[in-house]
């Protein structure tokens, strides 16, 4: 499911991805017994990664819009790479240790 989200994020806006995937993935997640809050957090991290990757990379185009005029898209891609790595580490940690994402919501119950 995570791979599908990242792949779709390379070509579709985040609203479209949510509208397409939540009705399909939601029942599957509940049937497998996963926490829906945990899955929602994973989905948001995946969308952040997807919106930072080319070729669509909506966040990259936003950065290009506010950057000085002599900044190339290649400069923007290189500048976004460290953030992409941080997101991947966060995705791996939250996937491996779900309590990282569920600790604060569990305090609210």
PDB file of N, CA and C in Angstrom:
ATOM      1  N   UNK A   1       0.825  -1.194   0.000  1.00  0.00           N
ATOM      2  CA  UNK A   1       0.000   0.000   0.000  1.00  0.00           C
ATOM      3  C   UNK A   1       0.870   1.259   0.000  1.00  0.00           C
ATOM      4  N   UNK A   2       1.974   1.193   0.736  1.00  0.00           N
ATOM      5  CA  UNK A   2       2.847   2.362   0.806  1.00  0.00           C
ATOM      6  C   UNK A   2       3.506   2.644  -0.544  1.00  0.00           C
ATOM      7  N   UNK A   3       3.897   1.596  -1.225  1.00  0.00           N
ATOM      8  CA  UNK A   3       4.488   1.766  -2.553  1.00  0.00           C
ATOM      9  C   UNK A   3       3.505   2.373  -3.541  1.00  0.00           C
ATOM     10  N   UNK A   4       2.262   1.966  -3.445  1.00  0.00           N
ATOM     11  CA  UNK A   4       1.228   2.520  -4.321  1.00  0.00           C
ATOM     12  C   UNK A   4       1.047   4.012  -4.053  1.00  0.00           C
ATOM     13  N   UNK A   5       1.045   4.393  -2.774  1.00  0.00           N
ATOM     14  CA  UNK A   5       0.883   5.807  -2.419  1.00  0.00           C
ATOM     15  C   UNK A   5       2.030   6.647  -2.966  1.00  0.00           C
ATOM     16  N   UNK A   6       3.246   6.155  -2.806  1.00  0.00           N
ATOM     17  CA  UNK A   6       4.401   6.909  -3.303  1.00  0.00           C
ATOM     18  C   UNK A   6       4.381   6.984  -4.825  1.00  0.00           C
ATOM     19  N   UNK A   7       4.033   5.896  -5.483  1.00  0.00           N
ATOM     20  CA  UNK A   7       3.960   5.901  -6.948  1.00  0.00           C
ATOM     21  C   UNK A   7       2.905   6.884  -7.438  1.00  0.00           C
ATOM     22  N   UNK A   8       1.718   6.845  -6.836  1.00  0.00           N
ATOM     23  CA  UNK A   8       0.654   7.761  -7.259  1.00  0.00           C
ATOM     24  C   UNK A   8       1.032   9.214  -6.995  1.00  0.00           C
ATOM     25  N   UNK A   9       1.782   9.446  -5.921  1.00  0.00           N
ATOM     26  CA  UNK A   9       2.175  10.807  -5.588  1.00  0.00           C
ATOM     27  C   UNK A   9       3.111  11.436  -6.592  1.00  0.00           C
ATOM     28  N   UNK A  10       3.755  10.611  -7.389  1.00  0.00           N
ATOM     29  CA  UNK A  10       4.622  11.155  -8.437  1.00  0.00           C
ATOM     30  C   UNK A  10       3.806  11.758  -9.586  1.00  0.00           C
ATOM     31  N   UNK A  11       2.517  11.440  -9.656  1.00  0.00           N
ATOM     32  CA  UNK A  11       1.728  11.866 -10.802  1.00  0.00           C
ATOM     33  C   UNK A  11       0.407  12.559 -10.454  1.00  0.00           C
ATOM     34  N   UNK A  12      -0.110  12.345  -9.232  1.00  0.00           N
ATOM     35  CA  UNK A  12      -1.429  12.854  -8.861  1.00  0.00           C
ATOM     36  C   UNK A  12      -1.288  13.763  -7.645  1.00  0.00           C
ATOM     37  N   UNK A  13      -2.165  14.726  -7.525  1.00  0.00           N
ATOM     38  CA  UNK A  13      -2.205  15.606  -6.364  1.00  0.00           C
ATOM     39  C   UNK A  13      -2.647  14.826  -5.130  1.00  0.00           C
ATOM     40  N   UNK A  14      -2.321  15.346  -3.946  1.00  0.00           N
ATOM     41  CA  UNK A  14      -2.601  14.633  -2.703  1.00  0.00           C
ATOM     42  C   UNK A  14      -4.087  14.432  -2.450  1.00  0.00           C
ATOM     43  N   UNK A  15      -4.917  15.363  -2.865  1.00  0.00           N
ATOM     44  CA  UNK A  15      -6.358  15.211  -2.664  1.00  0.00           C
ATOM     45  C   UNK A  15      -6.878  14.031  -3.476  1.00  0.00           C
ATOM     46  N   UNK A  16      -6.424  13.917  -4.710  1.00  0.00           N
ATOM     47  CA  UNK A  16      -6.826  12.801  -5.555  1.00  0.00           C
ATOM     48  C   UNK A  16      -6.383  11.462  -5.001  1.00  0.00           C
ATOM     49  N   UNK A  17      -5.177  11.433  -4.437  1.00  0.00           N
ATOM     50  CA  UNK A  17      -4.676  10.188  -3.860  1.00  0.00           C
ATOM     51  C   UNK A  17      -5.535   9.774  -2.667  1.00  0.00           C
ATOM     52  N   UNK A  18      -5.855  10.730  -1.805  1.00  0.00           N
ATOM     53  CA  UNK A  18      -6.688  10.407  -0.645  1.00  0.00           C
ATOM     54  C   UNK A  18      -8.072   9.933  -1.088  1.00  0.00           C
ATOM     55  N   UNK A  19      -8.653  10.614  -2.073  1.00  0.00           N
ATOM     56  CA  UNK A  19      -9.983  10.237  -2.547  1.00  0.00           C
ATOM     57  C   UNK A  19      -9.985   8.854  -3.203  1.00  0.00           C
ATOM     58  N   UNK A  20      -8.876   8.487  -3.843  1.00  0.00           N
ATOM     59  CA  UNK A  20      -8.780   7.173  -4.477  1.00  0.00           C
ATOM     60  C   UNK A  20      -8.460   6.060  -3.486  1.00  0.00           C
ATOM     61  N   UNK A  21      -7.534   6.291  -2.595  1.00  0.00           N
ATOM     62  CA  UNK A  21      -6.961   5.210  -1.795  1.00  0.00           C
ATOM     63  C   UNK A  21      -7.659   4.940  -0.474  1.00  0.00           C
ATOM     64  N   UNK A  22      -8.164   5.958   0.202  1.00  0.00           N
ATOM     65  CA  UNK A  22      -8.777   5.726   1.518  1.00  0.00           C
ATOM     66  C   UNK A  22      -9.985   4.796   1.425  1.00  0.00           C
ATOM     67  N   UNK A  23     -10.891   4.967   0.450  1.00  0.00           N
ATOM     68  CA  UNK A  23     -12.013   4.019   0.381  1.00  0.00           C
ATOM     69  C   UNK A  23     -11.584   2.588   0.064  1.00  0.00           C
ATOM     70  N   UNK A  24     -10.453   2.428  -0.597  1.00  0.00           N
ATOM     71  CA  UNK A  24      -9.974   1.084  -0.917  1.00  0.00           C
ATOM     72  C   UNK A  24      -9.142   0.517   0.225  1.00  0.00           C
ATOM     73  N   UNK A  25      -8.216   1.315   0.756  1.00  0.00           N
ATOM     74  CA  UNK A  25      -7.305   0.822   1.786  1.00  0.00           C
ATOM     75  C   UNK A  25      -7.932   0.759   3.172  1.00  0.00           C
ATOM     76  N   UNK A  26      -8.893   1.628   3.456  1.00  0.00           N
ATOM     77  CA  UNK A  26      -9.501   1.676   4.788  1.00  0.00           C
ATOM     78  C   UNK A  26     -10.078   0.341   5.242  1.00  0.00           C
ATOM     79  N   UNK A  27     -10.968  -0.272   4.456  1.00  0.00           N
ATOM     80  CA  UNK A  27     -11.509  -1.571   4.871  1.00  0.00           C
ATOM     81  C   UNK A  27     -10.435  -2.665   4.978  1.00  0.00           C
ATOM     82  N   UNK A  28      -9.439  -2.605   4.123  1.00  0.00           N
ATOM     83  CA  UNK A  28      -8.361  -3.595   4.184  1.00  0.00           C
ATOM     84  C   UNK A  28      -7.580  -3.444   5.482  1.00  0.00           C
ATOM     85  N   UNK A  29      -7.279  -2.213   5.850  1.00  0.00           N
ATOM     86  CA  UNK A  29      -6.533  -1.945   7.081  1.00  0.00           C
ATOM     87  C   UNK A  29      -7.326  -2.426   8.292  1.00  0.00           C
ATOM     88  N   UNK A  30      -8.617  -2.125   8.335  1.00  0.00           N
ATOM     89  CA  UNK A  30      -9.446  -2.584   9.458  1.00  0.00           C
ATOM     90  C   UNK A  30      -9.547  -4.102   9.491  1.00  0.00           C
ATOM     91  N   UNK A  31      -9.680  -4.730   8.328  1.00  0.00           N
ATOM     92  CA  UNK A  31      -9.795  -6.191   8.263  1.00  0.00           C
ATOM     93  C   UNK A  31      -8.510  -6.876   8.733  1.00  0.00           C
ATOM     94  N   UNK A  32      -7.358  -6.257   8.447  1.00  0.00           N
ATOM     95  CA  UNK A  32      -6.086  -6.832   8.883  1.00  0.00           C
ATOM     96  C   UNK A  32      -5.791  -6.551  10.355  1.00  0.00           C
ATOM     97  N   UNK A  33      -6.595  -5.703  10.989  1.00  0.00           N
ATOM     98  CA  UNK A  33      -6.440  -5.446  12.407  1.00  0.00           C
ATOM     99  C   UNK A  33      -5.448  -4.347  12.746  1.00  0.00           C
ATOM    100  N   UNK A  34      -5.061  -3.533  11.784  1.00  0.00           N
ATOM    101  CA  UNK A  34      -4.150  -2.423  12.045  1.00  0.00           C
ATOM    102  C   UNK A  34      -4.922  -1.238  12.609  1.00  0.00           C
ATOM    103  N   UNK A  35      -4.227  -0.411  13.370  1.00  0.00           N
ATOM    104  CA  UNK A  35      -4.827   0.795  13.930  1.00  0.00           C
ATOM    105  C   UNK A  35      -5.023   1.826  12.811  1.00  0.00           C
ATOM    106  N   UNK A  36      -6.248   2.334  12.626  1.00  0.00           N
ATOM    107  CA  UNK A  36      -6.479   3.314  11.566  1.00  0.00           C
ATOM    108  C   UNK A  36      -5.704   4.624  11.762  1.00  0.00           C
ATOM    109  N   UNK A  37      -5.460   5.019  13.011  1.00  0.00           N
ATOM    110  CA  UNK A  37      -4.681   6.236  13.260  1.00  0.00           C
ATOM    111  C   UNK A  37      -3.244   6.022  12.787  1.00  0.00           C
ATOM    112  N   UNK A  38      -2.679   4.880  13.093  1.00  0.00           N
ATOM    113  CA  UNK A  38      -1.324   4.547  12.659  1.00  0.00           C
ATOM    114  C   UNK A  38      -1.241   4.542  11.136  1.00  0.00           C
ATOM    115  N   UNK A  39      -2.235   3.936  10.493  1.00  0.00           N
ATOM    116  CA  UNK A  39      -2.234   3.911   9.040  1.00  0.00           C
ATOM    117  C   UNK A  39      -2.378   5.311   8.457  1.00  0.00           C
ATOM    118  N   UNK A  40      -3.198   6.159   9.089  1.00  0.00           N
ATOM    119  CA  UNK A  40      -3.339   7.536   8.623  1.00  0.00           C
ATOM    120  C   UNK A  40      -2.032   8.302   8.708  1.00  0.00           C
ATOM    121  N   UNK A  41      -1.278   8.083   9.784  1.00  0.00           N
ATOM    122  CA  UNK A  41       0.023   8.740   9.918  1.00  0.00           C
ATOM    123  C   UNK A  41       0.995   8.226   8.867  1.00  0.00           C
ATOM    124  N   UNK A  42       0.992   6.921   8.633  1.00  0.00           N
ATOM    125  CA  UNK A  42       1.838   6.363   7.566  1.00  0.00           C
ATOM    126  C   UNK A  42       1.460   6.944   6.205  1.00  0.00           C
ATOM    127  N   UNK A  43       0.170   7.098   5.985  1.00  0.00           N
ATOM    128  CA  UNK A  43      -0.296   7.646   4.714  1.00  0.00           C
ATOM    129  C   UNK A  43       0.172   9.089   4.539  1.00  0.00           C
ATOM    130  N   UNK A  44       0.129   9.883   5.600  1.00  0.00           N
ATOM    131  CA  UNK A  44       0.586  11.265   5.506  1.00  0.00           C
ATOM    132  C   UNK A  44       2.086  11.355   5.250  1.00  0.00           C
ATOM    133  N   UNK A  45       2.863  10.491   5.891  1.00  0.00           N
ATOM    134  CA  UNK A  45       4.309  10.480   5.632  1.00  0.00           C
ATOM    135  C   UNK A  45       4.577  10.075   4.183  1.00  0.00           C
ATOM    136  N   UNK A  46       3.847   9.082   3.701  1.00  0.00           N
ATOM    137  CA  UNK A  46       3.985   8.668   2.303  1.00  0.00           C
ATOM    138  C   UNK A  46       3.623   9.794   1.351  1.00  0.00           C
ATOM    139  N   UNK A  47       2.577  10.536   1.649  1.00  0.00           N
ATOM    140  CA  UNK A  47       2.187  11.650   0.781  1.00  0.00           C
ATOM    141  C   UNK A  47       3.240  12.745   0.798  1.00  0.00           C
ATOM    142  N   UNK A  48       3.842  12.980   1.950  1.00  0.00           N
ATOM    143  CA  UNK A  48       4.904  13.984   2.000  1.00  0.00           C
ATOM    144  C   UNK A  48       6.096  13.554   1.135  1.00  0.00           C
ATOM    145  N   UNK A  49       6.440  12.272   1.200  1.00  0.00           N
ATOM    146  CA  UNK A  49       7.528  11.756   0.360  1.00  0.00           C
ATOM    147  C   UNK A  49       7.143  11.877  -1.111  1.00  0.00           C
ATOM    148  N   UNK A  50       5.911  11.502  -1.427  1.00  0.00           N
ATOM    149  CA  UNK A  50       5.463  11.525  -2.820  1.00  0.00           C
ATOM    150  C   UNK A  50       5.442  12.929  -3.395  1.00  0.00           C
ATOM    151  N   UNK A  51       5.080  13.914  -2.584  1.00  0.00           N
ATOM    152  CA  UNK A  51       5.007  15.279  -3.085  1.00  0.00           C
ATOM    153  C   UNK A  51       6.375  15.955  -3.142  1.00  0.00           C
ATOM    154  N   UNK A  52       7.406  15.261  -2.680  1.00  0.00           N
ATOM    155  CA  UNK A  52       8.764  15.794  -2.752  1.00  0.00           C
ATOM    156  C   UNK A  52       9.583  15.094  -3.831  1.00  0.00           C
ATOM    157  N   UNK A  53       8.996  14.123  -4.514  1.00  0.00           N
ATOM    158  CA  UNK A  53       9.735  13.386  -5.536  1.00  0.00           C
ATOM    159  C   UNK A  53       9.319  13.842  -6.933  1.00  0.00           C
ATOM    160  N   UNK A  54      10.284  13.894  -7.843  1.00  0.00           N
ATOM    161  CA  UNK A  54       9.959  14.220  -9.233  1.00  0.00           C
ATOM    162  C   UNK A  54       9.186  13.070  -9.871  1.00  0.00           C
ATOM    163  N   UNK A  55       8.506  13.210 -10.963  1.00  0.00           N
ATOM    164  CA  UNK A  55       8.430  14.367 -11.830  1.00  0.00           C
ATOM    165  C   UNK A  55       7.364  15.373 -11.409  1.00  0.00           C
ATOM    166  N   UNK A  56       6.308  14.949 -10.677  1.00  0.00           N
ATOM    167  CA  UNK A  56       5.257  15.906 -10.309  1.00  0.00           C
ATOM    168  C   UNK A  56       5.750  16.806  -9.185  1.00  0.00           C
ATOM    169  N   UNK A  57       6.133  16.249  -8.075  1.00  0.00           N
ATOM    170  CA  UNK A  57       6.763  16.967  -6.974  1.00  0.00           C
ATOM    171  C   UNK A  57       6.207  18.348  -6.714  1.00  0.00           C
ATOM    172  N   UNK A  58       4.935  18.422  -6.351  1.00  0.00           N
ATOM    173  CA  UNK A  58       4.285  19.711  -6.147  1.00  0.00           C
ATOM    174  C   UNK A  58       5.069  20.601  -5.187  1.00  0.00           C
ATOM    175  N   UNK A  59       5.617  20.031  -4.125  1.00  0.00           N
ATOM    176  CA  UNK A  59       6.382  20.829  -3.165  1.00  0.00           C
ATOM    177  C   UNK A  59       7.647  21.401  -3.798  1.00  0.00           C
ATOM    178  N   UNK A  60       8.216  20.680  -4.758  1.00  0.00           N
ATOM    179  CA  UNK A  60       9.408  21.172  -5.445  1.00  0.00           C
ATOM    180  C   UNK A  60       9.075  22.387  -6.305  1.00  0.00           C
ATOM    181  N   UNK A  61       7.917  22.367  -6.937  1.00  0.00           N
ATOM    182  CA  UNK A  61       7.511  23.510  -7.756  1.00  0.00           C
ATOM    183  C   UNK A  61       7.176  24.722  -6.889  1.00  0.00           C
ATOM    184  N   UNK A  62       6.656  24.481  -5.696  1.00  0.00           N
ATOM    185  CA  UNK A  62       6.402  25.585  -4.769  1.00  0.00           C
ATOM    186  C   UNK A  62       7.727  26.217  -4.357  1.00  0.00           C
ATOM    187  N   UNK A  63       8.724  25.365  -4.047  1.00  0.00           N
ATOM    188  CA  UNK A  63      10.041  25.899  -3.692  1.00  0.00           C
ATOM    189  C   UNK A  63      10.652  26.667  -4.850  1.00  0.00           C
ATOM    190  N   UNK A  64      10.458  26.200  -6.068  1.00  0.00           N
ATOM    191  CA  UNK A  64      10.983  26.893  -7.238  1.00  0.00           C
ATOM    192  C   UNK A  64      10.332  28.271  -7.374  1.00  0.00           C
ATOM    193  N   UNK A  65       9.067  28.360  -7.016  1.00  0.00           N
ATOM    194  CA  UNK A  65       8.357  29.625  -7.123  1.00  0.00           C
ATOM    195  C   UNK A  65       8.855  30.694  -6.161  1.00  0.00           C
ATOM    196  N   UNK A  66       9.373  30.289  -5.019  1.00  0.00           N
ATOM    197  CA  UNK A  66       9.840  31.269  -4.034  1.00  0.00           C
ATOM    198  C   UNK A  66      11.359  31.428  -4.048  1.00  0.00           C
ATOM    199  N   UNK A  67      12.046  30.638  -4.849  1.00  0.00           N
ATOM    200  CA  UNK A  67      13.507  30.712  -4.940  1.00  0.00           C
ATOM    201  C   UNK A  67      13.920  31.863  -5.855  1.00  0.00           C
ATOM    202  N   UNK A  68      15.166  32.327  -5.726  1.00  0.00           N
ATOM    203  CA  UNK A  68      15.657  33.354  -6.650  1.00  0.00           C
ATOM    204  C   UNK A  68      15.586  32.858  -8.100  1.00  0.00           C
ATOM    205  N   UNK A  69      15.513  33.785  -9.025  1.00  0.00           N
ATOM    206  CA  UNK A  69      15.289  33.434 -10.434  1.00  0.00           C
ATOM    207  C   UNK A  69      16.401  32.596 -11.042  1.00  0.00           C
ATOM    208  N   UNK A  70      17.629  32.718 -10.555  1.00  0.00           N
ATOM    209  CA  UNK A  70      18.725  31.956 -11.139  1.00  0.00           C
ATOM    210  C   UNK A  70      18.817  30.532 -10.594  1.00  0.00           C
ATOM    211  N   UNK A  71      17.889  30.126  -9.736  1.00  0.00           N
ATOM    212  CA  UNK A  71      17.869  28.773  -9.186  1.00  0.00           C
ATOM    213  C   UNK A  71      17.238  27.826 -10.200  1.00  0.00           C
ATOM    214  N   UNK A  72      17.915  26.726 -10.476  1.00  0.00           N
ATOM    215  CA  UNK A  72      17.398  25.738 -11.427  1.00  0.00           C
ATOM    216  C   UNK A  72      16.604  24.666 -10.685  1.00  0.00           C
ATOM    217  N   UNK A  73      15.837  23.905 -11.431  1.00  0.00           N
ATOM    218  CA  UNK A  73      15.095  22.799 -10.823  1.00  0.00           C
ATOM    219  C   UNK A  73      16.064  21.759 -10.274  1.00  0.00           C
ATOM    220  N   UNK A  74      17.207  21.580 -10.909  1.00  0.00           N
ATOM    221  CA  UNK A  74      18.197  20.627 -10.403  1.00  0.00           C
ATOM    222  C   UNK A  74      18.677  21.050  -9.012  1.00  0.00           C
ATOM    223  N   UNK A  75      18.854  22.357  -8.796  1.00  0.00           N
ATOM    224  CA  UNK A  75      19.214  22.854  -7.467  1.00  0.00           C
ATOM    225  C   UNK A  75      18.119  22.537  -6.450  1.00  0.00           C
ATOM    226  N   UNK A  76      16.881  22.675  -6.865  1.00  0.00           N
ATOM    227  CA  UNK A  76      15.745  22.389  -5.984  1.00  0.00           C
ATOM    228  C   UNK A  76      15.702  20.900  -5.650  1.00  0.00           C
ATOM    229  N   UNK A  77      15.927  20.033  -6.641  1.00  0.00           N
ATOM    230  CA  UNK A  77      15.938  18.584  -6.398  1.00  0.00           C
ATOM    231  C   UNK A  77      17.020  18.217  -5.381  1.00  0.00           C
ATOM    232  N   UNK A  78      18.200  18.787  -5.555  1.00  0.00           N
ATOM    233  CA  UNK A  78      19.302  18.495  -4.621  1.00  0.00           C
ATOM    234  C   UNK A  78      19.007  19.025  -3.227  1.00  0.00           C
ATOM    235  N   UNK A  79      18.370  20.179  -3.138  1.00  0.00           N
ATOM    236  CA  UNK A  79      18.048  20.749  -1.830  1.00  0.00           C
ATOM    237  C   UNK A  79      16.969  19.936  -1.114  1.00  0.00           C
ATOM    238  N   UNK A  80      16.078  19.311  -1.858  1.00  0.00           N
ATOM    239  CA  UNK A  80      15.015  18.511  -1.247  1.00  0.00           C
ATOM    240  C   UNK A  80      15.439  17.113  -0.859  1.00  0.00           C
ATOM    241  N   UNK A  81      16.565  16.650  -1.364  1.00  0.00           N
ATOM    242  CA  UNK A  81      17.011  15.273  -1.113  1.00  0.00           C
ATOM    243  C   UNK A  81      17.233  14.972   0.373  1.00  0.00           C
ATOM    244  N   UNK A  82      17.899  15.845   1.161  1.00  0.00           N
ATOM    245  CA  UNK A  82      18.057  15.537   2.597  1.00  0.00           C
ATOM    246  C   UNK A  82      16.719  15.410   3.329  1.00  0.00           C
ATOM    247  N   UNK A  83      15.736  16.222   2.954  1.00  0.00           N
ATOM    248  CA  UNK A  83      14.424  16.130   3.576  1.00  0.00           C
ATOM    249  C   UNK A  83      13.741  14.815   3.196  1.00  0.00           C
ATOM    250  N   UNK A  84      13.960  14.376   1.969  1.00  0.00           N
ATOM    251  CA  UNK A  84      13.417  13.104   1.526  1.00  0.00           C
ATOM    252  C   UNK A  84      14.017  11.953   2.327  1.00  0.00           C
ATOM    253  N   UNK A  85      15.305  12.007   2.582  1.00  0.00           N
ATOM    254  CA  UNK A  85      15.947  10.974   3.405  1.00  0.00           C
ATOM    255  C   UNK A  85      15.401  10.976   4.830  1.00  0.00           C
ATOM    256  N   UNK A  86      15.193  12.148   5.398  1.00  0.00           N
ATOM    257  CA  UNK A  86      14.613  12.238   6.752  1.00  0.00           C
ATOM    258  C   UNK A  86      13.207  11.653   6.777  1.00  0.00           C
ATOM    259  N   UNK A  87      12.425  11.911   5.746  1.00  0.00           N
ATOM    260  CA  UNK A  87      11.078  11.341   5.670  1.00  0.00           C
ATOM    261  C   UNK A  87      11.123   9.825   5.552  1.00  0.00           C
ATOM    262  N   UNK A  88      12.072   9.306   4.784  1.00  0.00           N
ATOM    263  CA  UNK A  88      12.208   7.852   4.660  1.00  0.00           C
ATOM    264  C   UNK A  88      12.578   7.219   5.994  1.00  0.00           C
ATOM    265  N   UNK A  89      13.474   7.853   6.750  1.00  0.00           N
ATOM    266  CA  UNK A  89      13.840   7.339   8.067  1.00  0.00           C
ATOM    267  C   UNK A  89      12.617   7.358   8.986  1.00  0.00           C
ATOM    268  N   UNK A  90      11.856   8.454   8.960  1.00  0.00           N
ATOM    269  CA  UNK A  90      10.649   8.540   9.778  1.00  0.00           C
ATOM    270  C   UNK A  90       9.636   7.471   9.384  1.00  0.00           C
ATOM    271  N   UNK A  91       9.483   7.231   8.093  1.00  0.00           N
ATOM    272  CA  UNK A  91       8.560   6.203   7.614  1.00  0.00           C
ATOM    273  C   UNK A  91       8.979   4.824   8.106  1.00  0.00           C
ATOM    274  N   UNK A  92      10.260   4.534   8.024  1.00  0.00           N
ATOM    275  CA  UNK A  92      10.758   3.230   8.479  1.00  0.00           C
ATOM    276  C   UNK A  92      10.558   3.081   9.987  1.00  0.00           C
ATOM    277  N   UNK A  93      10.857   4.134  10.751  1.00  0.00           N
ATOM    278  CA  UNK A  93      10.690   4.065  12.211  1.00  0.00           C
ATOM    279  C   UNK A  93       9.236   3.884  12.614  1.00  0.00           C
ATOM    280  N   UNK A  94       8.344   4.642  12.008  1.00  0.00           N
ATOM    281  CA  UNK A  94       6.926   4.544  12.365  1.00  0.00           C
ATOM    282  C   UNK A  94       6.346   3.201  11.908  1.00  0.00           C
ATOM    283  N   UNK A  95       6.838   2.666  10.805  1.00  0.00           N
ATOM    284  CA  UNK A  95       6.383   1.355  10.356  1.00  0.00           C
ATOM    285  C   UNK A  95       6.877   0.257  11.291  1.00  0.00           C
ATOM    286  N   UNK A  96       8.137   0.345  11.696  1.00  0.00           N
ATOM    287  CA  UNK A  96       8.726  -0.698  12.549  1.00  0.00           C
ATOM    288  C   UNK A  96       8.244  -0.608  13.995  1.00  0.00           C
ATOM    289  N   UNK A  97       8.033   0.609  14.496  1.00  0.00           N
ATOM    290  CA  UNK A  97       7.630   0.810  15.888  1.00  0.00           C
ATOM    291  C   UNK A  97       6.361   1.672  15.897  1.00  0.00           C
ATOM    292  N   UNK A  98       5.187   1.065  15.752  1.00  0.00           N
ATOM    293  CA  UNK A  98       3.943   1.831  15.684  1.00  0.00           C
ATOM    294  C   UNK A  98       3.681   2.687  16.921  1.00  0.00           C
ATOM    295  N   UNK A  99       4.234   2.311  18.071  1.00  0.00           N
ATOM    296  CA  UNK A  99       4.005   3.093  19.289  1.00  0.00           C
ATOM    297  C   UNK A  99       4.571   4.506  19.198  1.00  0.00           C
ATOM    298  N   UNK A 100       5.537   4.726  18.311  1.00  0.00           N
ATOM    299  CA  UNK A 100       6.047   6.084  18.107  1.00  0.00           C
ATOM    300  C   UNK A 100       4.945   7.015  17.614  1.00  0.00           C
ATOM    301  N   UNK A 101       4.073   6.504  16.786  1.00  0.00           N
ATOM    302  CA  UNK A 101       2.995   7.321  16.236  1.00  0.00           C
ATOM    303  C   UNK A 101       1.751   7.307  17.118  1.00  0.00           C
ATOM    304  N   UNK A 102       1.598   6.265  17.940  1.00  0.00           N
ATOM    305  CA  UNK A 102       0.366   6.102  18.704  1.00  0.00           C
ATOM    306  C   UNK A 102       0.476   6.546  20.155  1.00  0.00           C
ATOM    307  N   UNK A 103       1.681   6.945  20.597  1.00  0.00           N
ATOM    308  CA  UNK A 103       1.863   7.309  21.995  1.00  0.00           C
ATOM    309  C   UNK A 103       1.018   8.533  22.366  1.00  0.00           C
ATOM    310  N   UNK A 104       1.140   9.621  21.627  1.00  0.00           N
ATOM    311  CA  UNK A 104       0.399  10.836  21.954  1.00  0.00           C
ATOM    312  C   UNK A 104      -1.114  10.655  21.809  1.00  0.00           C
ATOM    313  N   UNK A 105      -1.619  10.040  20.727  1.00  0.00           N
ATOM    314  CA  UNK A 105      -3.069   9.807  20.662  1.00  0.00           C
ATOM    315  C   UNK A 105      -3.577   8.917  21.796  1.00  0.00           C
ATOM    316  N   UNK A 106      -2.749   7.991  22.271  1.00  0.00           N
ATOM    317  CA  UNK A 106      -3.194   7.129  23.374  1.00  0.00           C
ATOM    318  C   UNK A 106      -3.366   7.912  24.675  1.00  0.00           C
ATOM    319  N   UNK A 107      -2.666   9.024  24.830  1.00  0.00           N
ATOM    320  CA  UNK A 107      -2.827   9.854  26.024  1.00  0.00           C
ATOM    321  C   UNK A 107      -4.148  10.603  26.020  1.00  0.00           C
ATOM    322  N   UNK A 108      -4.731  10.777  24.854  1.00  0.00           N
ATOM    323  CA  UNK A 108      -5.992  11.527  24.736  1.00  0.00           C
ATOM    324  C   UNK A 108      -7.206  10.666  25.064  1.00  0.00           C
ATOM    325  N   UNK A 109      -7.046   9.373  25.091  1.00  0.00           N
ATOM    326  CA  UNK A 109      -8.179   8.473  25.333  1.00  0.00           C
ATOM    327  C   UNK A 109      -8.423   8.306  26.811  1.00  0.00           C
TER     328      UNK A 109
END
